[in-house]
Amino acid sequence: HGFILDKENLWIDEYWLQGHTRTHKGHIVSATQYRAGGSGYAEFQSH
């Protein structure tokens, strides 16, 4: 509104500050996609 606000007038969400670090932790249970095997050997079949 025609004014210039500076850091003395502002509170900033720290997520927007360059260099802000966040750490995410968790546990994942899943499986890879099946891949086609080859050469006719059992150990190379789709798995």
ModelCIF file with pLDDT and N, C-alpha, C, O atoms, coordinates in Angstrom:
data_MODEL
#
_entry.id   MODEL 
#
_entity.id                         1 
_entity.type                       polymer 
_entity.pdbx_number_of_molecules   1 
#
_entity_poly.entity_id                      1 
_entity_poly.type                           'polypeptide(L)' 
_entity_poly.nstd_linkage                   no 
_entity_poly.nstd_monomer                   no 
_entity_poly.pdbx_seq_one_letter_code       HGFILDKENLWIDEYWLQGHTRTHKGHIVSATQYRAGGSGYAEFQSH 
_entity_poly.pdbx_seq_one_letter_code_can   HGFILDKENLWIDEYWLQGHTRTHKGHIVSATQYRAGGSGYAEFQSH 
_entity_poly.pdbx_strand_id                 A 
#
loop_
_entity_poly_seq.entity_id 
_entity_poly_seq.num 
_entity_poly_seq.mon_id 
_entity_poly_seq.hetero 
1 1  HIS n 
1 2  GLY n 
1 3  PHE n 
1 4  ILE n 
1 5  LEU n 
1 6  ASP n 
1 7  LYS n 
1 8  GLU n 
1 9  ASN n 
1 10 LEU n 
1 11 TRP n 
1 12 ILE n 
1 13 ASP n 
1 14 GLU n 
1 15 TYR n 
1 16 TRP n 
1 17 LEU n 
1 18 GLN n 
1 19 GLY n 
1 20 HIS n 
1 21 THR n 
1 22 ARG n 
1 23 THR n 
1 24 HIS n 
1 25 LYS n 
1 26 GLY n 
1 27 HIS n 
1 28 ILE n 
1 29 VAL n 
1 30 SER n 
1 31 ALA n 
1 32 THR n 
1 33 GLN n 
1 34 TYR n 
1 35 ARG n 
1 36 ALA n 
1 37 GLY n 
1 38 GLY n 
1 39 SER n 
1 40 GLY n 
1 41 TYR n 
1 42 ALA n 
1 43 GLU n 
1 44 PHE n 
1 45 GLN n 
1 46 SER n 
1 47 HIS n 
#
_struct_asym.id          A 
_struct_asym.entity_id   1 
#
loop_
_ma_qa_metric.id 
_ma_qa_metric.mode 
_ma_qa_metric.name 
_ma_qa_metric.software_group_id 
_ma_qa_metric.type 
1 global pLDDT . pLDDT 
2 local  pLDDT . pLDDT 
#
_ma_qa_metric_global.metric_id      1 
_ma_qa_metric_global.metric_value   81.68 
_ma_qa_metric_global.model_id       1 
_ma_qa_metric_global.ordinal_id     1 
#
loop_
_ma_qa_metric_local.label_asym_id 
_ma_qa_metric_local.label_comp_id 
_ma_qa_metric_local.label_seq_id 
_ma_qa_metric_local.metric_id 
_ma_qa_metric_local.metric_value 
_ma_qa_metric_local.model_id 
_ma_qa_metric_local.ordinal_id 
A HIS 1  2 87.00 1 1  
A GLY 2  2 88.00 1 2  
A PHE 3  2 89.00 1 3  
A ILE 4  2 93.00 1 4  
A LEU 5  2 93.00 1 5  
A ASP 6  2 93.00 1 6  
A LYS 7  2 91.00 1 7  
A GLU 8  2 91.00 1 8  
A ASN 9  2 90.00 1 9  
A LEU 10 2 93.00 1 10 
A TRP 11 2 92.00 1 11 
A ILE 12 2 89.00 1 12 
A ASP 13 2 83.00 1 13 
A GLU 14 2 82.00 1 14 
A TYR 15 2 79.00 1 15 
A TRP 16 2 78.00 1 16 
A LEU 17 2 80.00 1 17 
A GLN 18 2 80.00 1 18 
A GLY 19 2 81.00 1 19 
A HIS 20 2 80.00 1 20 
A THR 21 2 85.00 1 21 
A ARG 22 2 83.00 1 22 
A THR 23 2 87.00 1 23 
A HIS 24 2 86.00 1 24 
A LYS 25 2 89.00 1 25 
A GLY 26 2 87.00 1 26 
A HIS 27 2 89.00 1 27 
A ILE 28 2 87.00 1 28 
A VAL 29 2 88.00 1 29 
A SER 30 2 87.00 1 30 
A ALA 31 2 85.00 1 31 
A THR 32 2 84.00 1 32 
A GLN 33 2 84.00 1 33 
A TYR 34 2 82.00 1 34 
A ARG 35 2 75.00 1 35 
A ALA 36 2 69.00 1 36 
A GLY 37 2 64.00 1 37 
A GLY 38 2 62.00 1 38 
A SER 39 2 63.00 1 39 
A GLY 40 2 65.00 1 40 
A TYR 41 2 70.00 1 41 
A ALA 42 2 67.00 1 42 
A GLU 43 2 67.00 1 43 
A PHE 44 2 68.00 1 44 
A GLN 45 2 76.00 1 45 
A SER 46 2 79.00 1 46 
A HIS 47 2 79.00 1 47 
#
loop_
_atom_site.group_PDB 
_atom_site.id 
_atom_site.type_symbol 
_atom_site.label_atom_id 
_atom_site.label_alt_id 
_atom_site.label_comp_id 
_atom_site.label_asym_id 
_atom_site.label_entity_id 
_atom_site.label_seq_id 
_atom_site.pdbx_PDB_ins_code 
_atom_site.Cartn_x 
_atom_site.Cartn_y 
_atom_site.Cartn_z 
_atom_site.occupancy 
_atom_site.B_iso_or_equiv 
_atom_site.pdbx_formal_charge 
_atom_site.auth_seq_id 
_atom_site.auth_comp_id 
_atom_site.auth_asym_id 
_atom_site.auth_atom_id 
_atom_site.pdbx_PDB_model_num 
ATOM 1   N N  . HIS A 1 1  ? 0.814  -1.224  0.000   1.00 87.00 ? 1  HIS A N  1 
ATOM 2   C CA . HIS A 1 1  ? 0.000  0.000   0.000   1.00 87.00 ? 1  HIS A CA 1 
ATOM 3   C C  . HIS A 1 1  ? 0.849  1.277   0.000   1.00 87.00 ? 1  HIS A C  1 
ATOM 4   O O  . HIS A 1 1  ? 0.569  2.217   0.744   1.00 87.00 ? 1  HIS A O  1 
ATOM 5   N N  . GLY A 1 2  ? 1.886  1.298   -0.840  1.00 88.00 ? 2  GLY A N  1 
ATOM 6   C CA . GLY A 1 2  ? 2.725  2.483   -0.971  1.00 88.00 ? 2  GLY A CA 1 
ATOM 7   C C  . GLY A 1 2  ? 3.835  2.595   0.057   1.00 88.00 ? 2  GLY A C  1 
ATOM 8   O O  . GLY A 1 2  ? 4.649  3.515   -0.019  1.00 88.00 ? 2  GLY A O  1 
ATOM 9   N N  . PHE A 1 3  ? 3.887  1.681   1.016   1.00 89.00 ? 3  PHE A N  1 
ATOM 10  C CA . PHE A 1 3  ? 4.937  1.682   2.032   1.00 89.00 ? 3  PHE A CA 1 
ATOM 11  C C  . PHE A 1 3  ? 5.943  0.587   1.706   1.00 89.00 ? 3  PHE A C  1 
ATOM 12  O O  . PHE A 1 3  ? 5.613  -0.399  1.047   1.00 89.00 ? 3  PHE A O  1 
ATOM 13  N N  . ILE A 1 4  ? 7.158  0.770   2.168   1.00 93.00 ? 4  ILE A N  1 
ATOM 14  C CA . ILE A 1 4  ? 8.174  -0.280  2.067   1.00 93.00 ? 4  ILE A CA 1 
ATOM 15  C C  . ILE A 1 4  ? 8.387  -0.844  3.463   1.00 93.00 ? 4  ILE A C  1 
ATOM 16  O O  . ILE A 1 4  ? 8.832  -0.137  4.368   1.00 93.00 ? 4  ILE A O  1 
ATOM 17  N N  . LEU A 1 5  ? 8.067  -2.116  3.630   1.00 93.00 ? 5  LEU A N  1 
ATOM 18  C CA . LEU A 1 5  ? 8.275  -2.812  4.902   1.00 93.00 ? 5  LEU A CA 1 
ATOM 19  C C  . LEU A 1 5  ? 9.633  -3.495  4.844   1.00 93.00 ? 5  LEU A C  1 
ATOM 20  O O  . LEU A 1 5  ? 9.996  -4.073  3.820   1.00 93.00 ? 5  LEU A O  1 
ATOM 21  N N  . ASP A 1 6  ? 10.387 -3.429  5.945   1.00 93.00 ? 6  ASP A N  1 
ATOM 22  C CA . ASP A 1 6  ? 11.692 -4.096  5.962   1.00 93.00 ? 6  ASP A CA 1 
ATOM 23  C C  . ASP A 1 6  ? 11.721 -5.144  7.073   1.00 93.00 ? 6  ASP A C  1 
ATOM 24  O O  . ASP A 1 6  ? 10.695 -5.437  7.687   1.00 93.00 ? 6  ASP A O  1 
ATOM 25  N N  . LYS A 1 7  ? 12.905 -5.705  7.325   1.00 91.00 ? 7  LYS A N  1 
ATOM 26  C CA . LYS A 1 7  ? 12.999 -6.823  8.265   1.00 91.00 ? 7  LYS A CA 1 
ATOM 27  C C  . LYS A 1 7  ? 12.588 -6.460  9.686   1.00 91.00 ? 7  LYS A C  1 
ATOM 28  O O  . LYS A 1 7  ? 12.310 -7.354  10.485  1.00 91.00 ? 7  LYS A O  1 
ATOM 29  N N  . GLU A 1 8  ? 12.543 -5.180  10.022  1.00 91.00 ? 8  GLU A N  1 
ATOM 30  C CA . GLU A 1 8  ? 12.077 -4.781  11.351  1.00 91.00 ? 8  GLU A CA 1 
ATOM 31  C C  . GLU A 1 8  ? 10.555 -4.849  11.471  1.00 91.00 ? 8  GLU A C  1 
ATOM 32  O O  . GLU A 1 8  ? 10.015 -4.868  12.577  1.00 91.00 ? 8  GLU A O  1 
ATOM 33  N N  . ASN A 1 9  ? 9.866  -4.887  10.325  1.00 90.00 ? 9  ASN A N  1 
ATOM 34  C CA . ASN A 1 9  ? 8.394  -4.931  10.318  1.00 90.00 ? 9  ASN A CA 1 
ATOM 35  C C  . ASN A 1 9  ? 7.848  -6.314  9.977   1.00 90.00 ? 9  ASN A C  1 
ATOM 36  O O  . ASN A 1 9  ? 6.632  -6.509  9.973   1.00 90.00 ? 9  ASN A O  1 
ATOM 37  N N  . LEU A 1 10 ? 8.721  -7.275  9.693   1.00 93.00 ? 10 LEU A N  1 
ATOM 38  C CA . LEU A 1 10 ? 8.271  -8.539  9.110   1.00 93.00 ? 10 LEU A CA 1 
ATOM 39  C C  . LEU A 1 10 ? 8.682  -9.750  9.933   1.00 93.00 ? 10 LEU A C  1 
ATOM 40  O O  . LEU A 1 10 ? 9.768  -9.801  10.510  1.00 93.00 ? 10 LEU A O  1 
ATOM 41  N N  . TRP A 1 11 ? 7.788  -10.712 9.967   1.00 92.00 ? 11 TRP A N  1 
ATOM 42  C CA . TRP A 1 11 ? 8.066  -12.054 10.489  1.00 92.00 ? 11 TRP A CA 1 
ATOM 43  C C  . TRP A 1 11 ? 7.963  -12.979 9.287   1.00 92.00 ? 11 TRP A C  1 
ATOM 44  O O  . TRP A 1 11 ? 6.967  -12.944 8.564   1.00 92.00 ? 11 TRP A O  1 
ATOM 45  N N  . ILE A 1 12 ? 8.984  -13.814 9.061   1.00 89.00 ? 12 ILE A N  1 
ATOM 46  C CA . ILE A 1 12 ? 9.032  -14.634 7.856   1.00 89.00 ? 12 ILE A CA 1 
ATOM 47  C C  . ILE A 1 12 ? 8.997  -16.108 8.221   1.00 89.00 ? 12 ILE A C  1 
ATOM 48  O O  . ILE A 1 12 ? 9.673  -16.550 9.150   1.00 89.00 ? 12 ILE A O  1 
ATOM 49  N N  . ASP A 1 13 ? 8.197  -16.862 7.475   1.00 83.00 ? 13 ASP A N  1 
ATOM 50  C CA . ASP A 1 13 ? 8.173  -18.319 7.615   1.00 83.00 ? 13 ASP A CA 1 
ATOM 51  C C  . ASP A 1 13 ? 9.575  -18.834 7.301   1.00 83.00 ? 13 ASP A C  1 
ATOM 52  O O  . ASP A 1 13 ? 10.072 -18.634 6.193   1.00 83.00 ? 13 ASP A O  1 
ATOM 53  N N  . GLU A 1 14 ? 10.221 -19.498 8.271   1.00 82.00 ? 14 GLU A N  1 
ATOM 54  C CA . GLU A 1 14 ? 11.613 -19.914 8.092   1.00 82.00 ? 14 GLU A CA 1 
ATOM 55  C C  . GLU A 1 14 ? 11.811 -20.871 6.920   1.00 82.00 ? 14 GLU A C  1 
ATOM 56  O O  . GLU A 1 14 ? 12.928 -21.023 6.427   1.00 82.00 ? 14 GLU A O  1 
ATOM 57  N N  . TYR A 1 15 ? 10.753 -21.505 6.478   1.00 79.00 ? 15 TYR A N  1 
ATOM 58  C CA . TYR A 1 15 ? 10.844 -22.401 5.330   1.00 79.00 ? 15 TYR A CA 1 
ATOM 59  C C  . TYR A 1 15 ? 11.365 -21.666 4.096   1.00 79.00 ? 15 TYR A C  1 
ATOM 60  O O  . TYR A 1 15 ? 11.991 -22.272 3.227   1.00 79.00 ? 15 TYR A O  1 
ATOM 61  N N  . TRP A 1 16 ? 11.106 -20.364 4.023   1.00 78.00 ? 16 TRP A N  1 
ATOM 62  C CA . TRP A 1 16 ? 11.496 -19.572 2.854   1.00 78.00 ? 16 TRP A CA 1 
ATOM 63  C C  . TRP A 1 16 ? 12.892 -18.984 2.963   1.00 78.00 ? 16 TRP A C  1 
ATOM 64  O O  . TRP A 1 16 ? 13.340 -18.313 2.032   1.00 78.00 ? 16 TRP A O  1 
ATOM 65  N N  . LEU A 1 17 ? 13.590 -19.209 4.055   1.00 80.00 ? 17 LEU A N  1 
ATOM 66  C CA . LEU A 1 17 ? 14.929 -18.663 4.185   1.00 80.00 ? 17 LEU A CA 1 
ATOM 67  C C  . LEU A 1 17 ? 15.942 -19.600 3.534   1.00 80.00 ? 17 LEU A C  1 
ATOM 68  O O  . LEU A 1 17 ? 15.978 -20.797 3.818   1.00 80.00 ? 17 LEU A O  1 
ATOM 69  N N  . GLN A 1 18 ? 16.754 -19.035 2.664   1.00 80.00 ? 18 GLN A N  1 
ATOM 70  C CA . GLN A 1 18 ? 17.761 -19.826 1.962   1.00 80.00 ? 18 GLN A CA 1 
ATOM 71  C C  . GLN A 1 18 ? 18.683 -20.468 2.990   1.00 80.00 ? 18 GLN A C  1 
ATOM 72  O O  . GLN A 1 18 ? 19.125 -19.813 3.934   1.00 80.00 ? 18 GLN A O  1 
ATOM 73  N N  . GLY A 1 19 ? 18.971 -21.746 2.803   1.00 81.00 ? 19 GLY A N  1 
ATOM 74  C CA . GLY A 1 19 ? 19.822 -22.483 3.727   1.00 81.00 ? 19 GLY A CA 1 
ATOM 75  C C  . GLY A 1 19 ? 19.061 -23.192 4.831   1.00 81.00 ? 19 GLY A C  1 
ATOM 76  O O  . GLY A 1 19 ? 19.658 -23.934 5.611   1.00 81.00 ? 19 GLY A O  1 
ATOM 77  N N  . HIS A 1 20 ? 17.735 -22.976 4.913   1.00 80.00 ? 20 HIS A N  1 
ATOM 78  C CA . HIS A 1 20 ? 16.928 -23.663 5.928   1.00 80.00 ? 20 HIS A CA 1 
ATOM 79  C C  . HIS A 1 20 ? 16.970 -25.167 5.658   1.00 80.00 ? 20 HIS A C  1 
ATOM 80  O O  . HIS A 1 20 ? 16.755 -25.603 4.527   1.00 80.00 ? 20 HIS A O  1 
ATOM 81  N N  . THR A 1 21 ? 17.245 -25.951 6.686   1.00 85.00 ? 21 THR A N  1 
ATOM 82  C CA . THR A 1 21 ? 17.381 -27.405 6.542   1.00 85.00 ? 21 THR A CA 1 
ATOM 83  C C  . THR A 1 21 ? 16.249 -28.106 7.274   1.00 85.00 ? 21 THR A C  1 
ATOM 84  O O  . THR A 1 21 ? 15.910 -27.760 8.406   1.00 85.00 ? 21 THR A O  1 
ATOM 85  N N  . ARG A 1 22 ? 15.676 -29.092 6.610   1.00 83.00 ? 22 ARG A N  1 
ATOM 86  C CA . ARG A 1 22 ? 14.654 -29.949 7.221   1.00 83.00 ? 22 ARG A CA 1 
ATOM 87  C C  . ARG A 1 22 ? 15.097 -31.393 7.066   1.00 83.00 ? 22 ARG A C  1 
ATOM 88  O O  . ARG A 1 22 ? 15.635 -31.790 6.033   1.00 83.00 ? 22 ARG A O  1 
ATOM 89  N N  . THR A 1 23 ? 14.859 -32.165 8.108   1.00 87.00 ? 23 THR A N  1 
ATOM 90  C CA . THR A 1 23 ? 15.186 -33.588 8.072   1.00 87.00 ? 23 THR A CA 1 
ATOM 91  C C  . THR A 1 23 ? 13.899 -34.386 8.188   1.00 87.00 ? 23 THR A C  1 
ATOM 92  O O  . THR A 1 23 ? 13.075 -34.136 9.068   1.00 87.00 ? 23 THR A O  1 
ATOM 93  N N  . HIS A 1 24 ? 13.736 -35.338 7.302   1.00 86.00 ? 24 HIS A N  1 
ATOM 94  C CA . HIS A 1 24 ? 12.566 -36.215 7.289   1.00 86.00 ? 24 HIS A CA 1 
ATOM 95  C C  . HIS A 1 24 ? 13.027 -37.613 7.653   1.00 86.00 ? 24 HIS A C  1 
ATOM 96  O O  . HIS A 1 24 ? 14.030 -38.101 7.132   1.00 86.00 ? 24 HIS A O  1 
ATOM 97  N N  . LYS A 1 25 ? 12.302 -38.247 8.537   1.00 89.00 ? 25 LYS A N  1 
ATOM 98  C CA . LYS A 1 25 ? 12.610 -39.623 8.934   1.00 89.00 ? 25 LYS A CA 1 
ATOM 99  C C  . LYS A 1 25 ? 11.361 -40.462 8.783   1.00 89.00 ? 25 LYS A C  1 
ATOM 100 O O  . LYS A 1 25 ? 10.244 -39.963 8.919   1.00 89.00 ? 25 LYS A O  1 
ATOM 101 N N  . GLY A 1 26 ? 11.555 -41.743 8.501   1.00 87.00 ? 26 GLY A N  1 
ATOM 102 C CA . GLY A 1 26 ? 10.410 -42.616 8.381   1.00 87.00 ? 26 GLY A CA 1 
ATOM 103 C C  . GLY A 1 26 ? 10.820 -44.051 8.129   1.00 87.00 ? 26 GLY A C  1 
ATOM 104 O O  . GLY A 1 26 ? 11.987 -44.421 8.258   1.00 87.00 ? 26 GLY A O  1 
ATOM 105 N N  . HIS A 1 27 ? 9.844  -44.836 7.770   1.00 89.00 ? 27 HIS A N  1 
ATOM 106 C CA . HIS A 1 27 ? 10.062 -46.251 7.465   1.00 89.00 ? 27 HIS A CA 1 
ATOM 107 C C  . HIS A 1 27 ? 9.232  -46.572 6.231   1.00 89.00 ? 27 HIS A C  1 
ATOM 108 O O  . HIS A 1 27 ? 8.059  -46.210 6.144   1.00 89.00 ? 27 HIS A O  1 
ATOM 109 N N  . ILE A 1 28 ? 9.849  -47.250 5.288   1.00 87.00 ? 28 ILE A N  1 
ATOM 110 C CA . ILE A 1 28 ? 9.146  -47.580 4.059   1.00 87.00 ? 28 ILE A CA 1 
ATOM 111 C C  . ILE A 1 28 ? 9.089  -49.094 3.889   1.00 87.00 ? 28 ILE A C  1 
ATOM 112 O O  . ILE A 1 28 ? 10.084 -49.798 4.060   1.00 87.00 ? 28 ILE A O  1 
ATOM 113 N N  . VAL A 1 29 ? 7.896  -49.573 3.549   1.00 88.00 ? 29 VAL A N  1 
ATOM 114 C CA . VAL A 1 29 ? 7.685  -50.985 3.238   1.00 88.00 ? 29 VAL A CA 1 
ATOM 115 C C  . VAL A 1 29 ? 7.075  -51.026 1.847   1.00 88.00 ? 29 VAL A C  1 
ATOM 116 O O  . VAL A 1 29 ? 6.000  -50.475 1.609   1.00 88.00 ? 29 VAL A O  1 
ATOM 117 N N  . SER A 1 30 ? 7.773  -51.685 0.933   1.00 87.00 ? 30 SER A N  1 
ATOM 118 C CA . SER A 1 30 ? 7.317  -51.729 -0.454  1.00 87.00 ? 30 SER A CA 1 
ATOM 119 C C  . SER A 1 30 ? 8.069  -52.846 -1.167  1.00 87.00 ? 30 SER A C  1 
ATOM 120 O O  . SER A 1 30 ? 8.637  -53.732 -0.530  1.00 87.00 ? 30 SER A O  1 
ATOM 121 N N  . ALA A 1 31 ? 8.066  -52.793 -2.479  1.00 85.00 ? 31 ALA A N  1 
ATOM 122 C CA . ALA A 1 31 ? 8.816  -53.754 -3.288  1.00 85.00 ? 31 ALA A CA 1 
ATOM 123 C C  . ALA A 1 31 ? 9.168  -53.084 -4.610  1.00 85.00 ? 31 ALA A C  1 
ATOM 124 O O  . ALA A 1 31 ? 8.451  -52.208 -5.093  1.00 85.00 ? 31 ALA A O  1 
ATOM 125 N N  . THR A 1 32 ? 10.280 -53.512 -5.178  1.00 84.00 ? 32 THR A N  1 
ATOM 126 C CA . THR A 1 32 ? 10.668 -53.000 -6.488  1.00 84.00 ? 32 THR A CA 1 
ATOM 127 C C  . THR A 1 32 ? 9.757  -53.591 -7.551  1.00 84.00 ? 32 THR A C  1 
ATOM 128 O O  . THR A 1 32 ? 9.056  -54.573 -7.306  1.00 84.00 ? 32 THR A O  1 
ATOM 129 N N  . GLN A 1 33 ? 9.772  -52.993 -8.722  1.00 84.00 ? 33 GLN A N  1 
ATOM 130 C CA . GLN A 1 33 ? 8.995  -53.538 -9.835  1.00 84.00 ? 33 GLN A CA 1 
ATOM 131 C C  . GLN A 1 33 ? 9.681  -54.796 -10.365 1.00 84.00 ? 33 GLN A C  1 
ATOM 132 O O  . GLN A 1 33 ? 10.894 -54.961 -10.243 1.00 84.00 ? 33 GLN A O  1 
ATOM 133 N N  . TYR A 1 34 ? 8.887  -55.663 -10.945 1.00 82.00 ? 34 TYR A N  1 
ATOM 134 C CA . TYR A 1 34 ? 9.443  -56.877 -11.546 1.00 82.00 ? 34 TYR A CA 1 
ATOM 135 C C  . TYR A 1 34 ? 10.285 -56.490 -12.754 1.00 82.00 ? 34 TYR A C  1 
ATOM 136 O O  . TYR A 1 34 ? 9.920  -55.602 -13.524 1.00 82.00 ? 34 TYR A O  1 
ATOM 137 N N  . ARG A 1 35 ? 11.413 -57.168 -12.905 1.00 75.00 ? 35 ARG A N  1 
ATOM 138 C CA . ARG A 1 35 ? 12.289 -56.953 -14.057 1.00 75.00 ? 35 ARG A CA 1 
ATOM 139 C C  . ARG A 1 35 ? 12.381 -58.268 -14.811 1.00 75.00 ? 35 ARG A C  1 
ATOM 140 O O  . ARG A 1 35 ? 12.449 -59.348 -14.224 1.00 75.00 ? 35 ARG A O  1 
ATOM 141 N N  . ALA A 1 36 ? 12.380 -58.145 -16.092 1.00 69.00 ? 36 ALA A N  1 
ATOM 142 C CA . ALA A 1 36 ? 12.461 -59.347 -16.934 1.00 69.00 ? 36 ALA A CA 1 
ATOM 143 C C  . ALA A 1 36 ? 13.838 -59.975 -16.804 1.00 69.00 ? 36 ALA A C  1 
ATOM 144 O O  . ALA A 1 36 ? 14.854 -59.283 -16.739 1.00 69.00 ? 36 ALA A O  1 
ATOM 145 N N  . GLY A 1 37 ? 13.847 -61.286 -16.768 1.00 64.00 ? 37 GLY A N  1 
ATOM 146 C CA . GLY A 1 37 ? 15.115 -62.010 -16.692 1.00 64.00 ? 37 GLY A CA 1 
ATOM 147 C C  . GLY A 1 37 ? 15.577 -62.402 -18.089 1.00 64.00 ? 37 GLY A C  1 
ATOM 148 O O  . GLY A 1 37 ? 15.067 -61.901 -19.092 1.00 64.00 ? 37 GLY A O  1 
ATOM 149 N N  . GLY A 1 38 ? 16.514 -63.274 -18.134 1.00 62.00 ? 38 GLY A N  1 
ATOM 150 C CA . GLY A 1 38 ? 16.997 -63.682 -19.450 1.00 62.00 ? 38 GLY A CA 1 
ATOM 151 C C  . GLY A 1 38 ? 17.866 -64.914 -19.359 1.00 62.00 ? 38 GLY A C  1 
ATOM 152 O O  . GLY A 1 38 ? 18.151 -65.402 -18.266 1.00 62.00 ? 38 GLY A O  1 
ATOM 153 N N  . SER A 1 39 ? 18.268 -65.395 -20.454 1.00 63.00 ? 39 SER A N  1 
ATOM 154 C CA . SER A 1 39 ? 19.201 -66.507 -20.680 1.00 63.00 ? 39 SER A CA 1 
ATOM 155 C C  . SER A 1 39 ? 18.684 -67.857 -20.236 1.00 63.00 ? 39 SER A C  1 
ATOM 156 O O  . SER A 1 39 ? 19.418 -68.840 -20.336 1.00 63.00 ? 39 SER A O  1 
ATOM 157 N N  . GLY A 1 40 ? 17.459 -67.958 -19.752 1.00 65.00 ? 40 GLY A N  1 
ATOM 158 C CA . GLY A 1 40 ? 16.877 -69.247 -19.410 1.00 65.00 ? 40 GLY A CA 1 
ATOM 159 C C  . GLY A 1 40 ? 17.272 -69.790 -18.060 1.00 65.00 ? 40 GLY A C  1 
ATOM 160 O O  . GLY A 1 40 ? 16.733 -70.818 -17.651 1.00 65.00 ? 40 GLY A O  1 
ATOM 161 N N  . TYR A 1 41 ? 18.185 -69.155 -17.340 1.00 70.00 ? 41 TYR A N  1 
ATOM 162 C CA . TYR A 1 41 ? 18.585 -69.633 -16.024 1.00 70.00 ? 41 TYR A CA 1 
ATOM 163 C C  . TYR A 1 41 ? 17.594 -69.131 -14.968 1.00 70.00 ? 41 TYR A C  1 
ATOM 164 O O  . TYR A 1 41 ? 17.112 -68.002 -15.058 1.00 70.00 ? 41 TYR A O  1 
ATOM 165 N N  . ALA A 1 42 ? 17.291 -69.967 -13.969 1.00 67.00 ? 42 ALA A N  1 
ATOM 166 C CA . ALA A 1 42 ? 16.312 -69.642 -12.934 1.00 67.00 ? 42 ALA A CA 1 
ATOM 167 C C  . ALA A 1 42 ? 16.699 -68.385 -12.161 1.00 67.00 ? 42 ALA A C  1 
ATOM 168 O O  . ALA A 1 42 ? 15.838 -67.571 -11.829 1.00 67.00 ? 42 ALA A O  1 
ATOM 169 N N  . GLU A 1 43 ? 17.985 -68.224 -11.874 1.00 67.00 ? 43 GLU A N  1 
ATOM 170 C CA . GLU A 1 43 ? 18.417 -67.062 -11.075 1.00 67.00 ? 43 GLU A CA 1 
ATOM 171 C C  . GLU A 1 43 ? 18.258 -65.736 -11.825 1.00 67.00 ? 43 GLU A C  1 
ATOM 172 O O  . GLU A 1 43 ? 18.353 -64.666 -11.223 1.00 67.00 ? 43 GLU A O  1 
ATOM 173 N N  . PHE A 1 44 ? 18.017 -65.805 -13.140 1.00 68.00 ? 44 PHE A N  1 
ATOM 174 C CA . PHE A 1 44 ? 17.840 -64.583 -13.926 1.00 68.00 ? 44 PHE A CA 1 
ATOM 175 C C  . PHE A 1 44 ? 16.394 -64.356 -14.368 1.00 68.00 ? 44 PHE A C  1 
ATOM 176 O O  . PHE A 1 44 ? 16.123 -63.437 -15.141 1.00 68.00 ? 44 PHE A O  1 
ATOM 177 N N  . GLN A 1 45 ? 15.471 -65.179 -13.889 1.00 76.00 ? 45 GLN A N  1 
ATOM 178 C CA . GLN A 1 45 ? 14.081 -65.010 -14.310 1.00 76.00 ? 45 GLN A CA 1 
ATOM 179 C C  . GLN A 1 45 ? 13.485 -63.732 -13.723 1.00 76.00 ? 45 GLN A C  1 
ATOM 180 O O  . GLN A 1 45 ? 14.068 -63.129 -12.823 1.00 76.00 ? 45 GLN A O  1 
ATOM 181 N N  . SER A 1 46 ? 12.333 -63.325 -14.228 1.00 79.00 ? 46 SER A N  1 
ATOM 182 C CA . SER A 1 46 ? 11.681 -62.100 -13.780 1.00 79.00 ? 46 SER A CA 1 
ATOM 183 C C  . SER A 1 46 ? 11.512 -62.139 -12.262 1.00 79.00 ? 46 SER A C  1 
ATOM 184 O O  . SER A 1 46 ? 11.044 -63.134 -11.708 1.00 79.00 ? 46 SER A O  1 
ATOM 185 N N  . HIS A 1 47 ? 11.908 -61.020 -11.578 1.00 79.00 ? 47 HIS A N  1 
ATOM 186 C CA . HIS A 1 47 ? 11.866 -61.003 -10.116 1.00 79.00 ? 47 HIS A CA 1 
ATOM 187 C C  . HIS A 1 47 ? 11.769 -59.560 -9.606  1.00 79.00 ? 47 HIS A C  1 
ATOM 188 O O  . HIS A 1 47 ? 11.723 -59.334 -8.397  1.00 79.00 ? 47 HIS A O  1 
#
